[in-house]
């Protein structure tokens, strides 16, 4: 069953750290069955506060999503995201 990870950027803390993250995150996808469905595109807020940005990535299964997210390669790069901004990351299974 398709599984999605939704990253919602709430606020930027350090743009230099985010720039490092952006320059390295693509490499972490190699060898993983991932499709980027949305990445910081235009938003139309329907309810609540607008986030700074949203990224949605799709994997064929929860196991595949966790294999990428928990991988040493991604976790190393993610440290720059953690330093660079406040995010929410949610894994959600499709129907």
PDB file of N, CA and C in Angstrom:
ATOM      1  N   UNK A   1       0.837  -1.174   0.000  1.00  0.00           N
ATOM      2  CA  UNK A   1       0.000   0.000   0.000  1.00  0.00           C
ATOM      3  C   UNK A   1       0.886   1.242   0.000  1.00  0.00           C
ATOM      4  N   UNK A   2       0.556   2.195  -0.842  1.00  0.00           N
ATOM      5  CA  UNK A   2       1.352   3.426  -0.912  1.00  0.00           C
ATOM      6  C   UNK A   2       1.378   4.115   0.449  1.00  0.00           C
ATOM      7  N   UNK A   3       2.527   4.671   0.750  1.00  0.00           N
ATOM      8  CA  UNK A   3       2.728   5.399   2.001  1.00  0.00           C
ATOM      9  C   UNK A   3       3.386   6.721   1.665  1.00  0.00           C
ATOM     10  N   UNK A   4       2.983   7.749   2.382  1.00  0.00           N
ATOM     11  CA  UNK A   4       3.453   9.102   2.112  1.00  0.00           C
ATOM     12  C   UNK A   4       4.128   9.670   3.350  1.00  0.00           C
ATOM     13  N   UNK A   5       5.162  10.456   3.129  1.00  0.00           N
ATOM     14  CA  UNK A   5       5.721  11.270   4.205  1.00  0.00           C
ATOM     15  C   UNK A   5       5.454  12.711   3.807  1.00  0.00           C
ATOM     16  N   UNK A   6       4.807  13.434   4.711  1.00  0.00           N
ATOM     17  CA  UNK A   6       4.470  14.838   4.486  1.00  0.00           C
ATOM     18  C   UNK A   6       5.346  15.668   5.417  1.00  0.00           C
ATOM     19  N   UNK A   7       6.173  16.506   4.828  1.00  0.00           N
ATOM     20  CA  UNK A   7       7.031  17.417   5.579  1.00  0.00           C
ATOM     21  C   UNK A   7       6.406  18.811   5.490  1.00  0.00           C
ATOM     22  N   UNK A   8       6.145  19.418   6.628  1.00  0.00           N
ATOM     23  CA  UNK A   8       5.583  20.757   6.672  1.00  0.00           C
ATOM     24  C   UNK A   8       6.573  21.668   7.376  1.00  0.00           C
ATOM     25  N   UNK A   9       7.089  22.660   6.634  1.00  0.00           N
ATOM     26  CA  UNK A   9       8.035  23.604   7.237  1.00  0.00           C
ATOM     27  C   UNK A   9       7.240  24.708   7.915  1.00  0.00           C
ATOM     28  N   UNK A  10       7.391  24.788   9.240  1.00  0.00           N
ATOM     29  CA  UNK A  10       6.665  25.782  10.025  1.00  0.00           C
ATOM     30  C   UNK A  10       7.393  27.123  10.063  1.00  0.00           C
ATOM     31  N   UNK A  11       8.703  27.099  10.278  1.00  0.00           N
ATOM     32  CA  UNK A  11       9.465  28.353  10.322  1.00  0.00           C
ATOM     33  C   UNK A  11      10.949  28.080  10.129  1.00  0.00           C
ATOM     34  N   UNK A  12      11.583  28.970   9.391  1.00  0.00           N
ATOM     35  CA  UNK A  12      13.018  28.875   9.130  1.00  0.00           C
ATOM     36  C   UNK A  12      13.788  29.475  10.301  1.00  0.00           C
ATOM     37  N   UNK A  13      14.830  28.760  10.727  1.00  0.00           N
ATOM     38  CA  UNK A  13      15.695  29.226  11.806  1.00  0.00           C
ATOM     39  C   UNK A  13      17.080  29.609  11.292  1.00  0.00           C
ATOM     40  N   UNK A  14      17.590  28.857  10.303  1.00  0.00           N
ATOM     41  CA  UNK A  14      18.945  29.075   9.789  1.00  0.00           C
ATOM     42  C   UNK A  14      18.972  28.655   8.320  1.00  0.00           C
ATOM     43  N   UNK A  15      18.889  29.636   7.420  1.00  0.00           N
ATOM     44  CA  UNK A  15      18.815  29.338   5.993  1.00  0.00           C
ATOM     45  C   UNK A  15      20.061  28.618   5.491  1.00  0.00           C
ATOM     46  N   UNK A  16      21.222  28.915   6.040  1.00  0.00           N
ATOM     47  CA  UNK A  16      22.454  28.249   5.609  1.00  0.00           C
ATOM     48  C   UNK A  16      22.370  26.741   5.858  1.00  0.00           C
ATOM     49  N   UNK A  17      21.814  26.338   6.989  1.00  0.00           N
ATOM     50  CA  UNK A  17      21.642  24.906   7.284  1.00  0.00           C
ATOM     51  C   UNK A  17      20.642  24.280   6.312  1.00  0.00           C
ATOM     52  N   UNK A  18      19.563  24.989   5.996  1.00  0.00           N
ATOM     53  CA  UNK A  18      18.597  24.462   5.031  1.00  0.00           C
ATOM     54  C   UNK A  18      19.208  24.325   3.647  1.00  0.00           C
ATOM     55  N   UNK A  19      20.077  25.253   3.282  1.00  0.00           N
ATOM     56  CA  UNK A  19      20.752  25.168   1.988  1.00  0.00           C
ATOM     57  C   UNK A  19      21.616  23.916   1.912  1.00  0.00           C
ATOM     58  N   UNK A  20      22.302  23.591   3.003  1.00  0.00           N
ATOM     59  CA  UNK A  20      23.107  22.365   3.042  1.00  0.00           C
ATOM     60  C   UNK A  20      22.193  21.151   2.881  1.00  0.00           C
ATOM     61  N   UNK A  21      21.092  21.150   3.616  1.00  0.00           N
ATOM     62  CA  UNK A  21      20.125  20.047   3.523  1.00  0.00           C
ATOM     63  C   UNK A  21      19.637  19.888   2.081  1.00  0.00           C
ATOM     64  N   UNK A  22      19.218  20.984   1.462  1.00  0.00           N
ATOM     65  CA  UNK A  22      18.690  20.928   0.098  1.00  0.00           C
ATOM     66  C   UNK A  22      19.738  20.395  -0.884  1.00  0.00           C
ATOM     67  N   UNK A  23      20.986  20.736  -0.666  1.00  0.00           N
ATOM     68  CA  UNK A  23      22.035  20.303  -1.591  1.00  0.00           C
ATOM     69  C   UNK A  23      22.369  18.820  -1.444  1.00  0.00           C
ATOM     70  N   UNK A  24      22.012  18.216  -0.314  1.00  0.00           N
ATOM     71  CA  UNK A  24      22.409  16.830  -0.042  1.00  0.00           C
ATOM     72  C   UNK A  24      21.261  15.828  -0.006  1.00  0.00           C
ATOM     73  N   UNK A  25      20.034  16.281   0.192  1.00  0.00           N
ATOM     74  CA  UNK A  25      18.932  15.344   0.413  1.00  0.00           C
ATOM     75  C   UNK A  25      18.660  14.467  -0.808  1.00  0.00           C
ATOM     76  N   UNK A  26      18.815  14.997  -2.007  1.00  0.00           N
ATOM     77  CA  UNK A  26      18.553  14.207  -3.209  1.00  0.00           C
ATOM     78  C   UNK A  26      19.383  12.938  -3.291  1.00  0.00           C
ATOM     79  N   UNK A  27      20.613  13.006  -2.841  1.00  0.00           N
ATOM     80  CA  UNK A  27      21.494  11.835  -2.857  1.00  0.00           C
ATOM     81  C   UNK A  27      20.957  10.715  -1.970  1.00  0.00           C
ATOM     82  N   UNK A  28      20.223  11.063  -0.918  1.00  0.00           N
ATOM     83  CA  UNK A  28      19.728  10.041   0.011  1.00  0.00           C
ATOM     84  C   UNK A  28      18.610   9.203  -0.598  1.00  0.00           C
ATOM     85  N   UNK A  29      18.012   9.685  -1.690  1.00  0.00           N
ATOM     86  CA  UNK A  29      16.934   8.935  -2.343  1.00  0.00           C
ATOM     87  C   UNK A  29      17.460   7.794  -3.203  1.00  0.00           C
ATOM     88  N   UNK A  30      18.734   7.834  -3.579  1.00  0.00           N
ATOM     89  CA  UNK A  30      19.291   6.800  -4.454  1.00  0.00           C
ATOM     90  C   UNK A  30      19.125   5.420  -3.824  1.00  0.00           C
ATOM     91  N   UNK A  31      18.599   4.489  -4.628  1.00  0.00           N
ATOM     92  CA  UNK A  31      18.382   3.129  -4.158  1.00  0.00           C
ATOM     93  C   UNK A  31      17.073   2.942  -3.416  1.00  0.00           C
ATOM     94  N   UNK A  32      16.279   3.992  -3.289  1.00  0.00           N
ATOM     95  CA  UNK A  32      14.992   3.904  -2.608  1.00  0.00           C
ATOM     96  C   UNK A  32      13.870   4.185  -3.607  1.00  0.00           C
ATOM     97  N   UNK A  33      12.767   3.441  -3.520  1.00  0.00           N
ATOM     98  CA  UNK A  33      11.653   3.629  -4.451  1.00  0.00           C
ATOM     99  C   UNK A  33      10.771   4.811  -4.022  1.00  0.00           C
ATOM    100  N   UNK A  34      11.187   6.003  -4.358  1.00  0.00           N
ATOM    101  CA  UNK A  34      10.506   7.210  -3.884  1.00  0.00           C
ATOM    102  C   UNK A  34      10.062   8.051  -5.070  1.00  0.00           C
ATOM    103  N   UNK A  35       8.912   8.685  -4.917  1.00  0.00           N
ATOM    104  CA  UNK A  35       8.403   9.649  -5.888  1.00  0.00           C
ATOM    105  C   UNK A  35       8.095  10.928  -5.139  1.00  0.00           C
ATOM    106  N   UNK A  36       8.665  12.032  -5.587  1.00  0.00           N
ATOM    107  CA  UNK A  36       8.351  13.332  -4.983  1.00  0.00           C
ATOM    108  C   UNK A  36       7.078  13.835  -5.651  1.00  0.00           C
ATOM    109  N   UNK A  37       6.021  14.005  -4.864  1.00  0.00           N
ATOM    110  CA  UNK A  37       4.728  14.433  -5.401  1.00  0.00           C
ATOM    111  C   UNK A  37       4.532  15.941  -5.336  1.00  0.00           C
ATOM    112  N   UNK A  38       5.108  16.569  -4.334  1.00  0.00           N
ATOM    113  CA  UNK A  38       4.997  18.026  -4.176  1.00  0.00           C
ATOM    114  C   UNK A  38       6.230  18.501  -3.430  1.00  0.00           C
ATOM    115  N   UNK A  39       6.726  19.682  -3.821  1.00  0.00           N
ATOM    116  CA  UNK A  39       7.901  20.228  -3.151  1.00  0.00           C
ATOM    117  C   UNK A  39       7.855  21.754  -3.227  1.00  0.00           C
ATOM    118  N   UNK A  40       7.359  22.354  -2.175  1.00  0.00           N
ATOM    119  CA  UNK A  40       7.341  23.816  -2.021  1.00  0.00           C
ATOM    120  C   UNK A  40       6.607  24.528  -3.143  1.00  0.00           C
ATOM    121  N   UNK A  41       5.563  23.903  -3.677  1.00  0.00           N
ATOM    122  CA  UNK A  41       4.753  24.534  -4.717  1.00  0.00           C
ATOM    123  C   UNK A  41       3.795  25.558  -4.119  1.00  0.00           C
ATOM    124  N   UNK A  42       3.067  26.253  -5.001  1.00  0.00           N
ATOM    125  CA  UNK A  42       2.083  27.232  -4.534  1.00  0.00           C
ATOM    126  C   UNK A  42       1.037  26.562  -3.637  1.00  0.00           C
ATOM    127  N   UNK A  43       0.587  27.293  -2.641  1.00  0.00           N
ATOM    128  CA  UNK A  43      -0.398  26.774  -1.686  1.00  0.00           C
ATOM    129  C   UNK A  43      -1.661  27.628  -1.704  1.00  0.00           C
ATOM    130  N   UNK A  44      -2.759  26.995  -1.418  1.00  0.00           N
ATOM    131  CA  UNK A  44      -4.013  27.682  -1.138  1.00  0.00           C
ATOM    132  C   UNK A  44      -4.458  27.182   0.228  1.00  0.00           C
ATOM    133  N   UNK A  45      -4.297  28.010   1.225  1.00  0.00           N
ATOM    134  CA  UNK A  45      -4.630  27.603   2.588  1.00  0.00           C
ATOM    135  C   UNK A  45      -6.148  27.581   2.737  1.00  0.00           C
ATOM    136  N   UNK A  46      -6.663  26.448   3.140  1.00  0.00           N
ATOM    137  CA  UNK A  46      -8.100  26.301   3.325  1.00  0.00           C
ATOM    138  C   UNK A  46      -8.506  26.409   4.783  1.00  0.00           C
ATOM    139  N   UNK A  47      -7.622  25.989   5.673  1.00  0.00           N
ATOM    140  CA  UNK A  47      -7.898  26.047   7.111  1.00  0.00           C
ATOM    141  C   UNK A  47      -6.583  26.224   7.856  1.00  0.00           C
ATOM    142  N   UNK A  48      -6.628  26.920   8.964  1.00  0.00           N
ATOM    143  CA  UNK A  48      -5.448  27.061   9.820  1.00  0.00           C
ATOM    144  C   UNK A  48      -4.415  28.016   9.263  1.00  0.00           C
ATOM    145  N   UNK A  49      -3.259  28.006   9.911  1.00  0.00           N
ATOM    146  CA  UNK A  49      -2.167  28.887   9.518  1.00  0.00           C
ATOM    147  C   UNK A  49      -1.399  28.299   8.338  1.00  0.00           C
ATOM    148  N   UNK A  50      -0.902  29.162   7.491  1.00  0.00           N
ATOM    149  CA  UNK A  50      -0.123  28.719   6.337  1.00  0.00           C
ATOM    150  C   UNK A  50       1.274  28.298   6.773  1.00  0.00           C
ATOM    151  N   UNK A  51       1.735  27.122   6.340  1.00  0.00           N
ATOM    152  CA  UNK A  51       3.131  26.753   6.585  1.00  0.00           C
ATOM    153  C   UNK A  51       4.023  27.483   5.586  1.00  0.00           C
ATOM    154  N   UNK A  52       5.307  27.524   5.859  1.00  0.00           N
ATOM    155  CA  UNK A  52       6.248  28.105   4.899  1.00  0.00           C
ATOM    156  C   UNK A  52       6.369  27.233   3.658  1.00  0.00           C
ATOM    157  N   UNK A  53       6.205  25.937   3.815  1.00  0.00           N
ATOM    158  CA  UNK A  53       6.318  25.044   2.672  1.00  0.00           C
ATOM    159  C   UNK A  53       5.904  23.633   3.013  1.00  0.00           C
ATOM    160  N   UNK A  54       5.585  22.861   1.974  1.00  0.00           N
ATOM    161  CA  UNK A  54       5.152  21.479   2.140  1.00  0.00           C
ATOM    162  C   UNK A  54       5.857  20.612   1.098  1.00  0.00           C
ATOM    163  N   UNK A  55       6.318  19.439   1.544  1.00  0.00           N
ATOM    164  CA  UNK A  55       6.887  18.430   0.650  1.00  0.00           C
ATOM    165  C   UNK A  55       6.148  17.125   0.919  1.00  0.00           C
ATOM    166  N   UNK A  56       5.749  16.451  -0.157  1.00  0.00           N
ATOM    167  CA  UNK A  56       5.088  15.149  -0.036  1.00  0.00           C
ATOM    168  C   UNK A  56       5.861  14.152  -0.884  1.00  0.00           C
ATOM    169  N   UNK A  57       6.318  13.080  -0.246  1.00  0.00           N
ATOM    170  CA  UNK A  57       7.019  12.015  -0.961  1.00  0.00           C
ATOM    171  C   UNK A  57       6.248  10.715  -0.802  1.00  0.00           C
ATOM    172  N   UNK A  58       6.249   9.907  -1.860  1.00  0.00           N
ATOM    173  CA  UNK A  58       5.499   8.659  -1.878  1.00  0.00           C
ATOM    174  C   UNK A  58       6.442   7.473  -1.967  1.00  0.00           C
ATOM    175  N   UNK A  59       6.114   6.437  -1.197  1.00  0.00           N
ATOM    176  CA  UNK A  59       6.834   5.175  -1.222  1.00  0.00           C
ATOM    177  C   UNK A  59       5.820   4.061  -1.442  1.00  0.00           C
ATOM    178  N   UNK A  60       6.250   2.897  -1.915  1.00  0.00           N
ATOM    179  CA  UNK A  60       5.302   1.817  -2.155  1.00  0.00           C
ATOM    180  C   UNK A  60       4.765   1.154  -0.881  1.00  0.00           C
ATOM    181  N   UNK A  61       5.430   1.381   0.243  1.00  0.00           N
ATOM    182  CA  UNK A  61       5.001   0.746   1.494  1.00  0.00           C
ATOM    183  C   UNK A  61       5.558   1.524   2.682  1.00  0.00           C
ATOM    184  N   UNK A  62       5.001   1.242   3.839  1.00  0.00           N
ATOM    185  CA  UNK A  62       5.513   1.843   5.071  1.00  0.00           C
ATOM    186  C   UNK A  62       6.953   1.403   5.312  1.00  0.00           C
ATOM    187  N   UNK A  63       7.233   0.129   5.031  1.00  0.00           N
ATOM    188  CA  UNK A  63       8.588  -0.377   5.229  1.00  0.00           C
ATOM    189  C   UNK A  63       9.600   0.369   4.345  1.00  0.00           C
ATOM    190  N   UNK A  64       9.218   0.649   3.121  1.00  0.00           N
ATOM    191  CA  UNK A  64      10.111   1.378   2.214  1.00  0.00           C
ATOM    192  C   UNK A  64      10.314   2.815   2.693  1.00  0.00           C
ATOM    193  N   UNK A  65       9.248   3.437   3.183  1.00  0.00           N
ATOM    194  CA  UNK A  65       9.356   4.808   3.692  1.00  0.00           C
ATOM    195  C   UNK A  65      10.279   4.852   4.907  1.00  0.00           C
ATOM    196  N   UNK A  66      10.098   3.914   5.815  1.00  0.00           N
ATOM    197  CA  UNK A  66      10.943   3.874   7.013  1.00  0.00           C
ATOM    198  C   UNK A  66      12.377   3.526   6.665  1.00  0.00           C
ATOM    199  N   UNK A  67      12.569   2.677   5.667  1.00  0.00           N
ATOM    200  CA  UNK A  67      13.936   2.318   5.266  1.00  0.00           C
ATOM    201  C   UNK A  67      14.689   3.563   4.801  1.00  0.00           C
ATOM    202  N   UNK A  68      14.014   4.444   4.057  1.00  0.00           N
ATOM    203  CA  UNK A  68      14.669   5.691   3.643  1.00  0.00           C
ATOM    204  C   UNK A  68      14.834   6.632   4.833  1.00  0.00           C
ATOM    205  N   UNK A  69      13.737   6.909   5.551  1.00  0.00           N
ATOM    206  CA  UNK A  69      13.788   7.898   6.629  1.00  0.00           C
ATOM    207  C   UNK A  69      14.789   7.500   7.715  1.00  0.00           C
ATOM    208  N   UNK A  70      14.823   6.240   8.065  1.00  0.00           N
ATOM    209  CA  UNK A  70      15.710   5.760   9.137  1.00  0.00           C
ATOM    210  C   UNK A  70      17.132   5.460   8.663  1.00  0.00           C
ATOM    211  N   UNK A  71      17.375   5.570   7.359  1.00  0.00           N
ATOM    212  CA  UNK A  71      18.704   5.232   6.844  1.00  0.00           C
ATOM    213  C   UNK A  71      19.764   6.172   7.408  1.00  0.00           C
ATOM    214  N   UNK A  72      20.967   5.660   7.623  1.00  0.00           N
ATOM    215  CA  UNK A  72      22.055   6.519   8.103  1.00  0.00           C
ATOM    216  C   UNK A  72      22.299   7.704   7.168  1.00  0.00           C
ATOM    217  N   UNK A  73      22.169   7.488   5.861  1.00  0.00           N
ATOM    218  CA  UNK A  73      22.416   8.579   4.908  1.00  0.00           C
ATOM    219  C   UNK A  73      21.421   9.720   5.119  1.00  0.00           C
ATOM    220  N   UNK A  74      20.122   9.383   5.237  1.00  0.00           N
ATOM    221  CA  UNK A  74      19.144  10.455   5.423  1.00  0.00           C
ATOM    222  C   UNK A  74      19.285  11.082   6.808  1.00  0.00           C
ATOM    223  N   UNK A  75      19.465  10.285   7.831  1.00  0.00           N
ATOM    224  CA  UNK A  75      19.556  10.835   9.180  1.00  0.00           C
ATOM    225  C   UNK A  75      20.746  11.787   9.315  1.00  0.00           C
ATOM    226  N   UNK A  76      21.829  11.514   8.613  1.00  0.00           N
ATOM    227  CA  UNK A  76      22.974  12.422   8.646  1.00  0.00           C
ATOM    228  C   UNK A  76      22.608  13.767   8.010  1.00  0.00           C
ATOM    229  N   UNK A  77      21.965  13.725   6.856  1.00  0.00           N
ATOM    230  CA  UNK A  77      21.568  14.952   6.163  1.00  0.00           C
ATOM    231  C   UNK A  77      20.453  15.672   6.933  1.00  0.00           C
ATOM    232  N   UNK A  78      19.551  14.930   7.531  1.00  0.00           N
ATOM    233  CA  UNK A  78      18.424  15.523   8.252  1.00  0.00           C
ATOM    234  C   UNK A  78      18.871  16.425   9.396  1.00  0.00           C
ATOM    235  N   UNK A  79      20.049  16.191   9.936  1.00  0.00           N
ATOM    236  CA  UNK A  79      20.540  17.048  11.019  1.00  0.00           C
ATOM    237  C   UNK A  79      20.599  18.508  10.582  1.00  0.00           C
ATOM    238  N   UNK A  80      20.856  18.748   9.309  1.00  0.00           N
ATOM    239  CA  UNK A  80      20.869  20.125   8.796  1.00  0.00           C
ATOM    240  C   UNK A  80      19.447  20.694   8.752  1.00  0.00           C
ATOM    241  N   UNK A  81      18.473  19.854   8.414  1.00  0.00           N
ATOM    242  CA  UNK A  81      17.071  20.297   8.418  1.00  0.00           C
ATOM    243  C   UNK A  81      16.638  20.628   9.845  1.00  0.00           C
ATOM    244  N   UNK A  82      17.026  19.787  10.781  1.00  0.00           N
ATOM    245  CA  UNK A  82      16.663  20.024  12.182  1.00  0.00           C
ATOM    246  C   UNK A  82      17.232  21.344  12.692  1.00  0.00           C
ATOM    247  N   UNK A  83      18.448  21.670  12.277  1.00  0.00           N
ATOM    248  CA  UNK A  83      19.072  22.924  12.690  1.00  0.00           C
ATOM    249  C   UNK A  83      18.522  24.117  11.922  1.00  0.00           C
ATOM    250  N   UNK A  84      18.035  23.867  10.711  1.00  0.00           N
ATOM    251  CA  UNK A  84      17.641  24.954   9.834  1.00  0.00           C
ATOM    252  C   UNK A  84      16.224  25.453   9.978  1.00  0.00           C
ATOM    253  N   UNK A  85      15.323  24.597  10.468  1.00  0.00           N
ATOM    254  CA  UNK A  85      13.926  25.019  10.525  1.00  0.00           C
ATOM    255  C   UNK A  85      13.138  24.116  11.464  1.00  0.00           C
ATOM    256  N   UNK A  86      11.975  24.615  11.830  1.00  0.00           N
ATOM    257  CA  UNK A  86      11.000  23.794  12.559  1.00  0.00           C
ATOM    258  C   UNK A  86      10.096  23.143  11.532  1.00  0.00           C
ATOM    259  N   UNK A  87      10.059  21.829  11.553  1.00  0.00           N
ATOM    260  CA  UNK A  87       9.242  21.043  10.631  1.00  0.00           C
ATOM    261  C   UNK A  87       8.321  20.118  11.407  1.00  0.00           C
ATOM    262  N   UNK A  88       7.283  19.695  10.733  1.00  0.00           N
ATOM    263  CA  UNK A  88       6.516  18.524  11.146  1.00  0.00           C
ATOM    264  C   UNK A  88       6.718  17.501  10.048  1.00  0.00           C
ATOM    265  N   UNK A  89       6.886  16.269  10.412  1.00  0.00           N
ATOM    266  CA  UNK A  89       7.001  15.172   9.436  1.00  0.00           C
ATOM    267  C   UNK A  89       6.032  14.080   9.870  1.00  0.00           C
ATOM    268  N   UNK A  90       5.154  13.710   8.955  1.00  0.00           N
ATOM    269  CA  UNK A  90       4.129  12.721   9.264  1.00  0.00           C
ATOM    270  C   UNK A  90       4.157  11.644   8.197  1.00  0.00           C
ATOM    271  N   UNK A  91       4.196  10.399   8.625  1.00  0.00           N
ATOM    272  CA  UNK A  91       4.080   9.258   7.719  1.00  0.00           C
ATOM    273  C   UNK A  91       2.616   8.824   7.735  1.00  0.00           C
ATOM    274  N   UNK A  92       2.020   8.721   6.562  1.00  0.00           N
ATOM    275  CA  UNK A  92       0.607   8.335   6.482  1.00  0.00           C
ATOM    276  C   UNK A  92       0.433   7.288   5.397  1.00  0.00           C
ATOM    277  N   UNK A  93      -0.304   6.220   5.721  1.00  0.00           N
ATOM    278  CA  UNK A  93      -0.566   5.171   4.756  1.00  0.00           C
ATOM    279  C   UNK A  93      -1.751   5.551   3.879  1.00  0.00           C
ATOM    280  N   UNK A  94      -1.649   5.196   2.599  1.00  0.00           N
ATOM    281  CA  UNK A  94      -2.745   5.432   1.672  1.00  0.00           C
ATOM    282  C   UNK A  94      -3.890   4.458   1.925  1.00  0.00           C
ATOM    283  N   UNK A  95      -4.964   4.658   1.192  1.00  0.00           N
ATOM    284  CA  UNK A  95      -6.127   3.776   1.341  1.00  0.00           C
ATOM    285  C   UNK A  95      -6.260   2.845   0.152  1.00  0.00           C
TER     286      UNK A  95
END
